[in-house]
Amino acid sequence: MIGWDVSTATYEGKSFDTSSEEIYPYGIFIKPDGSKMYITGEEHASVYQYSLDTEWDISTATYDTKTKDVSSE
C-alpha cells in the first residue's frame, strides 16, 4: 500500500459501533499518531472522542466520555 492512496487500500474486516453515542456517524478524524479518533454525526451536533488502544485500529476504540457540543459553531 502506498501511503494515503485510497486506491491501494484493502479492507481488514475491522469496525467499531458508535451507536451508543451517534446513530448516524458521517465524519471521522484520527490523530496523526493514531491514538485518538473523533466522530461527528447527523443525530447530534457533537464531536465524540475515543481512544485507540492499538494505533490506527478502530476495533480497539473505547469512548473517552468526552463530547463537544458544536451546535452553536
N, C-alpha and C. Protein backbone atom coordinates (compact mmCIF):
# COMPACT_ATOMS: atom_id res chain seq x y z
N MET A 1 0.84 -1.19 0.00
CA MET A 1 0.00 0.00 0.00
C MET A 1 0.88 1.24 0.00
N ILE A 2 0.55 2.16 -0.85
CA ILE A 2 1.24 3.44 -0.90
C ILE A 2 0.55 4.36 0.11
N GLY A 3 1.33 5.07 0.95
CA GLY A 3 0.77 5.93 1.99
C GLY A 3 -0.30 6.88 1.50
N TRP A 4 -1.49 6.82 2.07
CA TRP A 4 -2.61 7.71 1.84
C TRP A 4 -3.22 7.62 0.44
N ASP A 5 -2.95 6.59 -0.32
CA ASP A 5 -3.56 6.40 -1.63
C ASP A 5 -4.71 5.42 -1.47
N VAL A 6 -5.94 5.93 -1.42
CA VAL A 6 -7.11 5.10 -1.15
C VAL A 6 -7.31 4.00 -2.20
N SER A 7 -6.81 4.21 -3.40
CA SER A 7 -6.98 3.19 -4.44
C SER A 7 -6.19 1.93 -4.15
N THR A 8 -5.22 1.99 -3.24
CA THR A 8 -4.43 0.81 -2.89
C THR A 8 -4.85 0.21 -1.54
N ALA A 9 -5.94 0.73 -0.96
CA ALA A 9 -6.39 0.25 0.35
C ALA A 9 -7.02 -1.13 0.25
N THR A 10 -6.95 -1.86 1.36
CA THR A 10 -7.62 -3.15 1.48
C THR A 10 -8.46 -3.14 2.76
N TYR A 11 -9.59 -3.81 2.74
CA TYR A 11 -10.46 -3.88 3.91
C TYR A 11 -9.99 -5.01 4.81
N GLU A 12 -9.77 -4.70 6.10
CA GLU A 12 -9.28 -5.69 7.05
C GLU A 12 -10.38 -6.29 7.90
N GLY A 13 -11.63 -5.92 7.64
CA GLY A 13 -12.74 -6.50 8.38
C GLY A 13 -12.89 -5.99 9.80
N LYS A 14 -12.31 -4.84 10.11
CA LYS A 14 -12.39 -4.28 11.45
C LYS A 14 -13.42 -3.15 11.45
N SER A 15 -14.15 -3.04 12.56
CA SER A 15 -15.16 -1.99 12.66
C SER A 15 -15.34 -1.59 14.12
N PHE A 16 -16.14 -0.56 14.33
CA PHE A 16 -16.45 -0.09 15.68
C PHE A 16 -17.86 0.49 15.67
N ASP A 17 -18.67 0.13 16.64
CA ASP A 17 -20.06 0.57 16.74
C ASP A 17 -20.13 1.85 17.56
N THR A 18 -20.58 2.94 16.94
CA THR A 18 -20.71 4.23 17.62
C THR A 18 -22.15 4.53 18.04
N SER A 19 -23.06 3.58 17.87
CA SER A 19 -24.49 3.86 18.06
C SER A 19 -24.85 4.26 19.50
N SER A 20 -24.01 3.97 20.47
CA SER A 20 -24.29 4.41 21.84
C SER A 20 -24.17 5.93 21.96
N GLU A 21 -23.35 6.53 21.09
CA GLU A 21 -23.17 7.98 21.09
C GLU A 21 -23.85 8.63 19.88
N GLU A 22 -23.67 8.06 18.71
CA GLU A 22 -24.17 8.65 17.47
C GLU A 22 -24.67 7.55 16.55
N ILE A 23 -25.98 7.58 16.24
CA ILE A 23 -26.59 6.55 15.40
C ILE A 23 -26.19 6.70 13.94
N TYR A 24 -26.04 7.95 13.48
CA TYR A 24 -25.74 8.21 12.07
C TYR A 24 -24.39 8.92 11.92
N PRO A 25 -23.28 8.22 12.20
CA PRO A 25 -21.98 8.89 12.07
C PRO A 25 -21.66 9.19 10.61
N TYR A 26 -21.08 10.35 10.35
CA TYR A 26 -20.68 10.66 8.97
C TYR A 26 -19.33 11.33 8.88
N GLY A 27 -18.72 11.68 9.99
CA GLY A 27 -17.40 12.29 9.95
C GLY A 27 -16.48 11.57 10.91
N ILE A 28 -15.26 11.32 10.46
CA ILE A 28 -14.26 10.67 11.31
C ILE A 28 -12.93 11.35 11.10
N PHE A 29 -12.21 11.53 12.20
CA PHE A 29 -10.86 12.06 12.15
C PHE A 29 -10.03 11.23 13.10
N ILE A 30 -8.87 10.80 12.67
CA ILE A 30 -7.93 10.08 13.53
C ILE A 30 -6.67 10.93 13.64
N LYS A 31 -6.22 11.16 14.87
CA LYS A 31 -5.00 11.93 15.08
C LYS A 31 -3.86 11.33 14.28
N PRO A 32 -2.93 12.16 13.82
CA PRO A 32 -1.81 11.66 13.03
C PRO A 32 -1.01 10.53 13.69
N ASP A 33 -0.97 10.50 15.03
CA ASP A 33 -0.24 9.41 15.69
C ASP A 33 -1.10 8.16 15.88
N GLY A 34 -2.39 8.21 15.46
CA GLY A 34 -3.27 7.04 15.53
C GLY A 34 -3.82 6.72 16.90
N SER A 35 -3.66 7.62 17.88
CA SER A 35 -4.06 7.30 19.26
C SER A 35 -5.48 7.72 19.61
N LYS A 36 -6.06 8.67 18.89
CA LYS A 36 -7.40 9.17 19.18
C LYS A 36 -8.23 9.20 17.90
N MET A 37 -9.54 9.00 18.07
CA MET A 37 -10.48 9.06 16.97
C MET A 37 -11.62 9.99 17.38
N TYR A 38 -12.09 10.80 16.45
CA TYR A 38 -13.18 11.73 16.70
C TYR A 38 -14.29 11.48 15.68
N ILE A 39 -15.53 11.42 16.16
CA ILE A 39 -16.69 11.12 15.32
C ILE A 39 -17.70 12.26 15.41
N THR A 40 -18.27 12.62 14.28
CA THR A 40 -19.42 13.53 14.24
C THR A 40 -20.55 12.78 13.54
N GLY A 41 -21.77 13.31 13.68
CA GLY A 41 -22.87 12.61 13.05
C GLY A 41 -24.06 13.50 12.78
N GLU A 42 -25.10 12.86 12.26
CA GLU A 42 -26.32 13.56 11.85
C GLU A 42 -27.28 13.78 13.01
N GLU A 43 -27.34 12.84 13.94
CA GLU A 43 -28.33 12.90 15.01
C GLU A 43 -28.04 14.02 16.03
N HIS A 44 -26.77 14.17 16.41
CA HIS A 44 -26.38 15.16 17.42
C HIS A 44 -25.34 16.11 16.82
N ALA A 45 -25.38 17.34 17.24
CA ALA A 45 -24.38 18.32 16.80
C ALA A 45 -23.22 18.29 17.79
N SER A 46 -22.52 17.16 17.81
CA SER A 46 -21.45 16.96 18.78
C SER A 46 -20.28 16.23 18.13
N VAL A 47 -19.13 16.35 18.78
CA VAL A 47 -17.93 15.60 18.41
C VAL A 47 -17.63 14.68 19.59
N TYR A 48 -17.42 13.40 19.29
CA TYR A 48 -17.15 12.39 20.33
C TYR A 48 -15.71 11.93 20.22
N GLN A 49 -15.04 11.78 21.37
CA GLN A 49 -13.64 11.38 21.40
C GLN A 49 -13.49 9.94 21.88
N TYR A 50 -12.66 9.18 21.17
CA TYR A 50 -12.36 7.79 21.51
C TYR A 50 -10.85 7.60 21.57
N SER A 51 -10.41 6.68 22.42
CA SER A 51 -9.00 6.28 22.46
C SER A 51 -8.85 4.98 21.70
N LEU A 52 -7.77 4.86 20.95
CA LEU A 52 -7.47 3.62 20.24
C LEU A 52 -6.35 2.91 21.00
N ASP A 53 -6.66 1.76 21.57
CA ASP A 53 -5.66 1.01 22.34
C ASP A 53 -4.50 0.57 21.46
N THR A 54 -4.79 0.24 20.21
CA THR A 54 -3.75 -0.06 19.22
C THR A 54 -3.86 1.03 18.15
N GLU A 55 -2.77 1.75 17.94
CA GLU A 55 -2.80 2.86 17.00
C GLU A 55 -3.40 2.46 15.66
N TRP A 56 -4.29 3.29 15.16
CA TRP A 56 -4.94 3.14 13.86
C TRP A 56 -5.92 1.97 13.77
N ASP A 57 -6.14 1.22 14.83
CA ASP A 57 -7.04 0.06 14.80
C ASP A 57 -8.35 0.44 15.45
N ILE A 58 -9.36 0.79 14.64
CA ILE A 58 -10.63 1.26 15.20
C ILE A 58 -11.37 0.20 16.00
N SER A 59 -11.06 -1.07 15.78
CA SER A 59 -11.72 -2.12 16.54
C SER A 59 -11.29 -2.10 18.01
N THR A 60 -10.24 -1.35 18.36
CA THR A 60 -9.77 -1.26 19.75
C THR A 60 -10.21 0.04 20.41
N ALA A 61 -11.16 0.77 19.78
CA ALA A 61 -11.60 2.06 20.30
C ALA A 61 -12.44 1.91 21.56
N THR A 62 -12.26 2.87 22.47
CA THR A 62 -13.10 2.99 23.65
C THR A 62 -13.50 4.46 23.79
N TYR A 63 -14.76 4.68 24.13
CA TYR A 63 -15.27 6.04 24.27
C TYR A 63 -14.67 6.69 25.50
N ASP A 64 -14.11 7.87 25.34
CA ASP A 64 -13.46 8.58 26.45
C ASP A 64 -14.44 9.36 27.32
N THR A 65 -15.73 9.29 27.04
CA THR A 65 -16.76 10.05 27.73
C THR A 65 -16.44 11.56 27.63
N LYS A 66 -15.94 11.95 26.47
CA LYS A 66 -15.65 13.36 26.18
C LYS A 66 -16.40 13.74 24.92
N THR A 67 -17.24 14.78 25.06
CA THR A 67 -18.07 15.22 23.95
C THR A 67 -18.02 16.74 23.88
N LYS A 68 -17.99 17.27 22.68
CA LYS A 68 -18.03 18.72 22.47
C LYS A 68 -19.28 19.03 21.66
N ASP A 69 -20.18 19.84 22.24
CA ASP A 69 -21.37 20.29 21.53
C ASP A 69 -20.94 21.39 20.55
N VAL A 70 -21.22 21.20 19.28
CA VAL A 70 -20.83 22.17 18.26
C VAL A 70 -22.06 22.78 17.58
N SER A 71 -23.21 22.71 18.23
CA SER A 71 -24.44 23.22 17.63
C SER A 71 -24.40 24.72 17.40
N SER A 72 -23.64 25.44 18.17
CA SER A 72 -23.56 26.90 18.00
C SER A 72 -22.32 27.31 17.21
N GLU A 73 -21.56 26.36 16.74
CA GLU A 73 -20.33 26.65 15.98
C GLU A 73 -20.63 26.89 14.54
